PDB file of N, CA and C in Angstrom:
ATOM      1  N   UNK A   1       0.987  -1.247   0.041  1.00  0.00           N
ATOM      2  CA  UNK A   1      -0.021  -0.155  -0.213  1.00  0.00           C
ATOM      3  C   UNK A   1       0.924   1.143   0.013  1.00  0.00           C
ATOM      4  N   UNK A   2       0.595   2.288  -0.995  1.00  0.00           N
ATOM      5  CA  UNK A   2       1.372   3.391  -0.992  1.00  0.00           C
ATOM      6  C   UNK A   2       1.126   4.416  -0.027  1.00  0.00           C
ATOM      7  N   UNK A   3       2.112   5.067   0.708  1.00  0.00           N
ATOM      8  CA  UNK A   3       2.027   5.733   1.747  1.00  0.00           C
ATOM      9  C   UNK A   3       2.446   7.266   1.203  1.00  0.00           C
ATOM     10  N   UNK A   4       1.589   8.239   1.610  1.00  0.00           N
ATOM     11  CA  UNK A   4       2.010   9.771   1.060  1.00  0.00           C
ATOM     12  C   UNK A   4       2.733  10.241   2.129  1.00  0.00           C
ATOM     13  N   UNK A   5       3.812  11.185   1.691  1.00  0.00           N
ATOM     14  CA  UNK A   5       4.631  11.964   2.659  1.00  0.00           C
ATOM     15  C   UNK A   5       3.684  12.715   3.658  1.00  0.00           C
ATOM     16  N   UNK A   6       4.110  12.892   4.822  1.00  0.00           N
ATOM     17  CA  UNK A   6       3.359  13.498   5.837  1.00  0.00           C
ATOM     18  C   UNK A   6       3.485  15.104   5.581  1.00  0.00           C
ATOM     19  N   UNK A   7       4.323  15.500   4.764  1.00  0.00           N
ATOM     20  CA  UNK A   7       4.641  16.860   4.562  1.00  0.00           C
ATOM     21  C   UNK A   7       3.692  17.177   3.185  1.00  0.00           C
ATOM     22  N   UNK A   8       3.099  16.218   2.694  1.00  0.00           N
ATOM     23  CA  UNK A   8       2.144  16.497   1.471  1.00  0.00           C
ATOM     24  C   UNK A   8       1.029  17.390   1.921  1.00  0.00           C
ATOM     25  N   UNK A   9       0.581  18.203   0.843  1.00  0.00           N
ATOM     26  CA  UNK A   9      -0.511  18.977   0.933  1.00  0.00           C
ATOM     27  C   UNK A   9      -1.467  18.734  -0.131  1.00  0.00           C
ATOM     28  N   UNK A  10      -2.783  18.997   0.085  1.00  0.00           N
ATOM     29  CA  UNK A  10      -3.829  18.798  -0.796  1.00  0.00           C
ATOM     30  C   UNK A  10      -3.784  19.758  -2.075  1.00  0.00           C
ATOM     31  N   UNK A  11      -3.037  20.741  -2.112  1.00  0.00           N
ATOM     32  CA  UNK A  11      -2.983  21.506  -3.177  1.00  0.00           C
ATOM     33  C   UNK A  11      -1.774  21.415  -3.997  1.00  0.00           C
ATOM     34  N   UNK A  12      -1.216  20.332  -4.159  1.00  0.00           N
ATOM     35  CA  UNK A  12      -0.132  20.010  -5.063  1.00  0.00           C
ATOM     36  C   UNK A  12       1.186  20.251  -4.241  1.00  0.00           C
ATOM     37  N   UNK A  13       2.346  20.525  -5.020  1.00  0.00           N
ATOM     38  CA  UNK A  13       3.664  20.564  -4.588  1.00  0.00           C
ATOM     39  C   UNK A  13       4.408  19.390  -4.941  1.00  0.00           C
ATOM     40  N   UNK A  14       5.623  19.488  -4.364  1.00  0.00           N
ATOM     41  CA  UNK A  14       6.522  18.303  -4.832  1.00  0.00           C
ATOM     42  C   UNK A  14       6.403  17.130  -3.599  1.00  0.00           C
ATOM     43  N   UNK A  15       5.672  16.092  -3.855  1.00  0.00           N
ATOM     44  CA  UNK A  15       5.174  15.166  -2.851  1.00  0.00           C
ATOM     45  C   UNK A  15       5.676  13.773  -3.526  1.00  0.00           C
ATOM     46  N   UNK A  16       5.957  12.914  -2.442  1.00  0.00           N
ATOM     47  CA  UNK A  16       6.155  11.625  -2.721  1.00  0.00           C
ATOM     48  C   UNK A  16       5.405  10.629  -2.222  1.00  0.00           C
ATOM     49  N   UNK A  17       5.294   9.385  -2.621  1.00  0.00           N
ATOM     50  CA  UNK A  17       4.717   8.369  -1.867  1.00  0.00           C
ATOM     51  C   UNK A  17       5.597   7.038  -1.999  1.00  0.00           C
ATOM     52  N   UNK A  18       5.726   6.322  -0.892  1.00  0.00           N
ATOM     53  CA  UNK A  18       6.551   5.263  -0.781  1.00  0.00           C
ATOM     54  C   UNK A  18       5.616   3.836  -0.321  1.00  0.00           C
ATOM     55  N   UNK A  19       6.309   2.582  -0.757  1.00  0.00           N
ATOM     56  CA  UNK A  19       5.934   1.575  -0.235  1.00  0.00           C
ATOM     57  C   UNK A  19       7.100   0.857   0.229  1.00  0.00           C
ATOM     58  N   UNK A  20       6.883   0.570   1.655  1.00  0.00           N
ATOM     59  CA  UNK A  20       7.999  -0.041   2.324  1.00  0.00           C
ATOM     60  C   UNK A  20       7.830  -1.697   2.415  1.00  0.00           C
ATOM     61  N   UNK A  21       8.937  -2.456   2.639  1.00  0.00           N
ATOM     62  CA  UNK A  21       8.705  -3.701   2.699  1.00  0.00           C
ATOM     63  C   UNK A  21       8.522  -4.807   1.623  1.00  0.00           C
ATOM     64  N   UNK A  22       8.951  -4.167   0.213  1.00  0.00           N
ATOM     65  CA  UNK A  22       8.961  -5.037  -0.826  1.00  0.00           C
ATOM     66  C   UNK A  22      10.180  -5.644  -1.035  1.00  0.00           C
ATOM     67  N   UNK A  23      10.399  -6.935  -0.262  1.00  0.00           N
ATOM     68  CA  UNK A  23      11.689  -7.647  -0.158  1.00  0.00           C
ATOM     69  C   UNK A  23      12.653  -6.779   0.611  1.00  0.00           C
ATOM     70  N   UNK A  24      13.784  -6.413   0.009  1.00  0.00           N
ATOM     71  CA  UNK A  24      14.689  -5.508   0.598  1.00  0.00           C
ATOM     72  C   UNK A  24      14.687  -4.003  -0.179  1.00  0.00           C
ATOM     73  N   UNK A  25      13.433  -3.780  -0.665  1.00  0.00           N
ATOM     74  CA  UNK A  25      13.549  -2.461  -1.409  1.00  0.00           C
ATOM     75  C   UNK A  25      12.533  -1.579  -0.932  1.00  0.00           C
ATOM     76  N   UNK A  26      12.608  -0.266  -1.165  1.00  0.00           N
ATOM     77  CA  UNK A  26      11.475   0.723  -0.893  1.00  0.00           C
ATOM     78  C   UNK A  26      11.229   1.392  -2.303  1.00  0.00           C
ATOM     79  N   UNK A  27       9.915   1.421  -2.840  1.00  0.00           N
ATOM     80  CA  UNK A  27       9.606   1.860  -3.998  1.00  0.00           C
ATOM     81  C   UNK A  27       8.951   3.314  -3.784  1.00  0.00           C
ATOM     82  N   UNK A  28       9.279   4.278  -4.499  1.00  0.00           N
ATOM     83  CA  UNK A  28       9.123   5.702  -4.493  1.00  0.00           C
ATOM     84  C   UNK A  28       8.502   6.168  -5.769  1.00  0.00           C
ATOM     85  N   UNK A  29       7.361   6.887  -5.656  1.00  0.00           N
ATOM     86  CA  UNK A  29       6.708   7.370  -6.805  1.00  0.00           C
ATOM     87  C   UNK A  29       6.365   9.010  -6.631  1.00  0.00           C
ATOM     88  N   UNK A  30       6.052   9.615  -7.651  1.00  0.00           N
ATOM     89  CA  UNK A  30       5.368  11.144  -7.465  1.00  0.00           C
ATOM     90  C   UNK A  30       4.003  11.143  -7.326  1.00  0.00           C
ATOM     91  N   UNK A  31       3.487  11.567  -6.148  1.00  0.00           N
ATOM     92  CA  UNK A  31       2.104  11.452  -5.662  1.00  0.00           C
ATOM     93  C   UNK A  31       1.327  12.148  -6.694  1.00  0.00           C
ATOM     94  N   UNK A  32       1.599  13.033  -7.544  1.00  0.00           N
ATOM     95  CA  UNK A  32       0.831  13.631  -8.526  1.00  0.00           C
ATOM     96  C   UNK A  32       0.713  12.879  -9.732  1.00  0.00           C
ATOM     97  N   UNK A  33       1.444  11.869 -10.312  1.00  0.00           N
ATOM     98  CA  UNK A  33       1.542  10.949 -11.251  1.00  0.00           C
ATOM     99  C   UNK A  33       1.499   9.802 -10.831  1.00  0.00           C
ATOM    100  N   UNK A  34       0.676   9.078 -10.118  1.00  0.00           N
ATOM    101  CA  UNK A  34       0.733   7.661  -9.605  1.00  0.00           C
ATOM    102  C   UNK A  34       0.839   6.619 -10.692  1.00  0.00           C
ATOM    103  N   UNK A  35       0.392   7.034 -11.793  1.00  0.00           N
ATOM    104  CA  UNK A  35       0.251   5.991 -13.005  1.00  0.00           C
ATOM    105  C   UNK A  35       1.683   5.864 -13.648  1.00  0.00           C
ATOM    106  N   UNK A  36       2.450   6.879 -13.534  1.00  0.00           N
ATOM    107  CA  UNK A  36       3.888   6.820 -14.129  1.00  0.00           C
ATOM    108  C   UNK A  36       4.777   6.022 -13.546  1.00  0.00           C
ATOM    109  N   UNK A  37       5.892   5.831 -13.883  1.00  0.00           N
ATOM    110  CA  UNK A  37       6.880   4.987 -13.447  1.00  0.00           C
ATOM    111  C   UNK A  37       7.349   5.241 -11.980  1.00  0.00           C
ATOM    112  N   UNK A  38       7.893   4.238 -11.210  1.00  0.00           N
ATOM    113  CA  UNK A  38       8.242   4.291  -9.818  1.00  0.00           C
ATOM    114  C   UNK A  38       9.723   3.864  -9.904  1.00  0.00           C
ATOM    115  N   UNK A  39      10.428   4.197  -8.703  1.00  0.00           N
ATOM    116  CA  UNK A  39      11.745   3.910  -8.642  1.00  0.00           C
ATOM    117  C   UNK A  39      11.805   2.764  -7.333  1.00  0.00           C
ATOM    118  N   UNK A  40      12.633   1.809  -7.417  1.00  0.00           N
ATOM    119  CA  UNK A  40      13.111   1.007  -6.386  1.00  0.00           C
ATOM    120  C   UNK A  40      14.344   1.171  -5.801  1.00  0.00           C
ATOM    121  N   UNK A  41      14.546   1.350  -4.646  1.00  0.00           N
ATOM    122  CA  UNK A  41      15.771   1.516  -3.975  1.00  0.00           C
ATOM    123  C   UNK A  41      16.174   0.469  -2.837  1.00  0.00           C
ATOM    124  N   UNK A  42      17.307   0.060  -2.645  1.00  0.00           N
ATOM    125  CA  UNK A  42      17.608  -0.678  -1.482  1.00  0.00           C
ATOM    126  C   UNK A  42      16.852  -0.070  -0.304  1.00  0.00           C
ATOM    127  N   UNK A  43      16.514  -0.785   0.586  1.00  0.00           N
ATOM    128  CA  UNK A  43      16.092  -0.400   1.909  1.00  0.00           C
ATOM    129  C   UNK A  43      17.054   0.297   2.716  1.00  0.00           C
ATOM    130  N   UNK A  44      18.276  -0.009   2.528  1.00  0.00           N
ATOM    131  CA  UNK A  44      19.627   0.375   3.663  1.00  0.00           C
ATOM    132  C   UNK A  44      19.675   1.810   2.921  1.00  0.00           C
ATOM    133  N   UNK A  45      19.578   2.089   1.515  1.00  0.00           N
ATOM    134  CA  UNK A  45      19.922   3.356   0.950  1.00  0.00           C
ATOM    135  C   UNK A  45      18.970   4.211   1.240  1.00  0.00           C
ATOM    136  N   UNK A  46      17.558   3.857   1.282  1.00  0.00           N
ATOM    137  CA  UNK A  46      16.599   4.620   1.773  1.00  0.00           C
ATOM    138  C   UNK A  46      16.695   5.124   3.086  1.00  0.00           C
ATOM    139  N   UNK A  47      17.024   4.387   3.993  1.00  0.00           N
ATOM    140  CA  UNK A  47      17.356   4.506   5.242  1.00  0.00           C
ATOM    141  C   UNK A  47      18.379   5.669   5.649  1.00  0.00           C
ATOM    142  N   UNK A  48      19.397   5.388   4.746  1.00  0.00           N
ATOM    143  CA  UNK A  48      20.520   6.350   5.017  1.00  0.00           C
ATOM    144  C   UNK A  48      20.137   7.765   4.289  1.00  0.00           C
ATOM    145  N   UNK A  49      19.301   7.548   3.407  1.00  0.00           N
ATOM    146  CA  UNK A  49      18.914   8.979   2.900  1.00  0.00           C
ATOM    147  C   UNK A  49      17.881   9.712   3.832  1.00  0.00           C
ATOM    148  N   UNK A  50      16.972   9.003   4.161  1.00  0.00           N
ATOM    149  CA  UNK A  50      16.022   9.669   5.257  1.00  0.00           C
ATOM    150  C   UNK A  50      16.716  10.153   6.375  1.00  0.00           C
ATOM    151  N   UNK A  51      17.713   9.528   7.020  1.00  0.00           N
ATOM    152  CA  UNK A  51      18.479   9.934   8.200  1.00  0.00           C
ATOM    153  C   UNK A  51      19.273  11.094   7.919  1.00  0.00           C
ATOM    154  N   UNK A  52      19.864  11.130   6.740  1.00  0.00           N
ATOM    155  CA  UNK A  52      20.650  12.214   6.328  1.00  0.00           C
ATOM    156  C   UNK A  52      19.734  13.644   5.990  1.00  0.00           C
ATOM    157  N   UNK A  53      18.585  13.327   5.639  1.00  0.00           N
ATOM    158  CA  UNK A  53      17.661  14.544   5.585  1.00  0.00           C
ATOM    159  C   UNK A  53      17.213  14.998   6.998  1.00  0.00           C
ATOM    160  N   UNK A  54      16.884  14.004   7.897  1.00  0.00           N
ATOM    161  CA  UNK A  54      16.592  14.276   9.295  1.00  0.00           C
ATOM    162  C   UNK A  54      17.766  15.192   9.761  1.00  0.00           C
ATOM    163  N   UNK A  55      18.871  14.748   9.705  1.00  0.00           N
ATOM    164  CA  UNK A  55      19.965  15.397  10.434  1.00  0.00           C
ATOM    165  C   UNK A  55      20.600  16.632   9.558  1.00  0.00           C
ATOM    166  N   UNK A  56      20.008  16.749   8.470  1.00  0.00           N
ATOM    167  CA  UNK A  56      20.187  18.062   7.785  1.00  0.00           C
ATOM    168  C   UNK A  56      21.734  17.864   7.025  1.00  0.00           C
ATOM    169  N   UNK A  57      22.111  16.757   6.871  1.00  0.00           N
ATOM    170  CA  UNK A  57      23.555  16.704   6.388  1.00  0.00           C
ATOM    171  C   UNK A  57      23.257  16.218   4.856  1.00  0.00           C
ATOM    172  N   UNK A  58      22.337  15.955   4.254  1.00  0.00           N
ATOM    173  CA  UNK A  58      22.013  15.505   2.951  1.00  0.00           C
ATOM    174  C   UNK A  58      22.718  16.713   1.972  1.00  0.00           C
ATOM    175  N   UNK A  59      23.418  16.416   1.077  1.00  0.00           N
ATOM    176  CA  UNK A  59      24.063  17.326   0.068  1.00  0.00           C
ATOM    177  C   UNK A  59      23.663  16.526  -1.193  1.00  0.00           C
ATOM    178  N   UNK A  60      23.097  17.165  -2.235  1.00  0.00           N
ATOM    179  CA  UNK A  60      23.208  16.563  -3.567  1.00  0.00           C
ATOM    180  C   UNK A  60      24.305  16.657  -4.415  1.00  0.00           C
ATOM    181  N   UNK A  61      24.693  15.887  -5.190  1.00  0.00           N
ATOM    182  CA  UNK A  61      25.754  16.043  -6.074  1.00  0.00           C
ATOM    183  C   UNK A  61      25.434  16.833  -7.513  1.00  0.00           C
TER     184      UNK A  61
END
């Protein structure tokens, strides 16, 4: 079951939805375009990404 970001608002914006627990992966998609492609990333990489965002240490390349 897809779960929308808690930061999502009803009037649009940049929001994602995730599905956790698909084997060792997390599926991610754009909440505004649920019928389009989604991305699956290893659960460990997703956890590291979320932790870095929470610590405000994430930097994009």
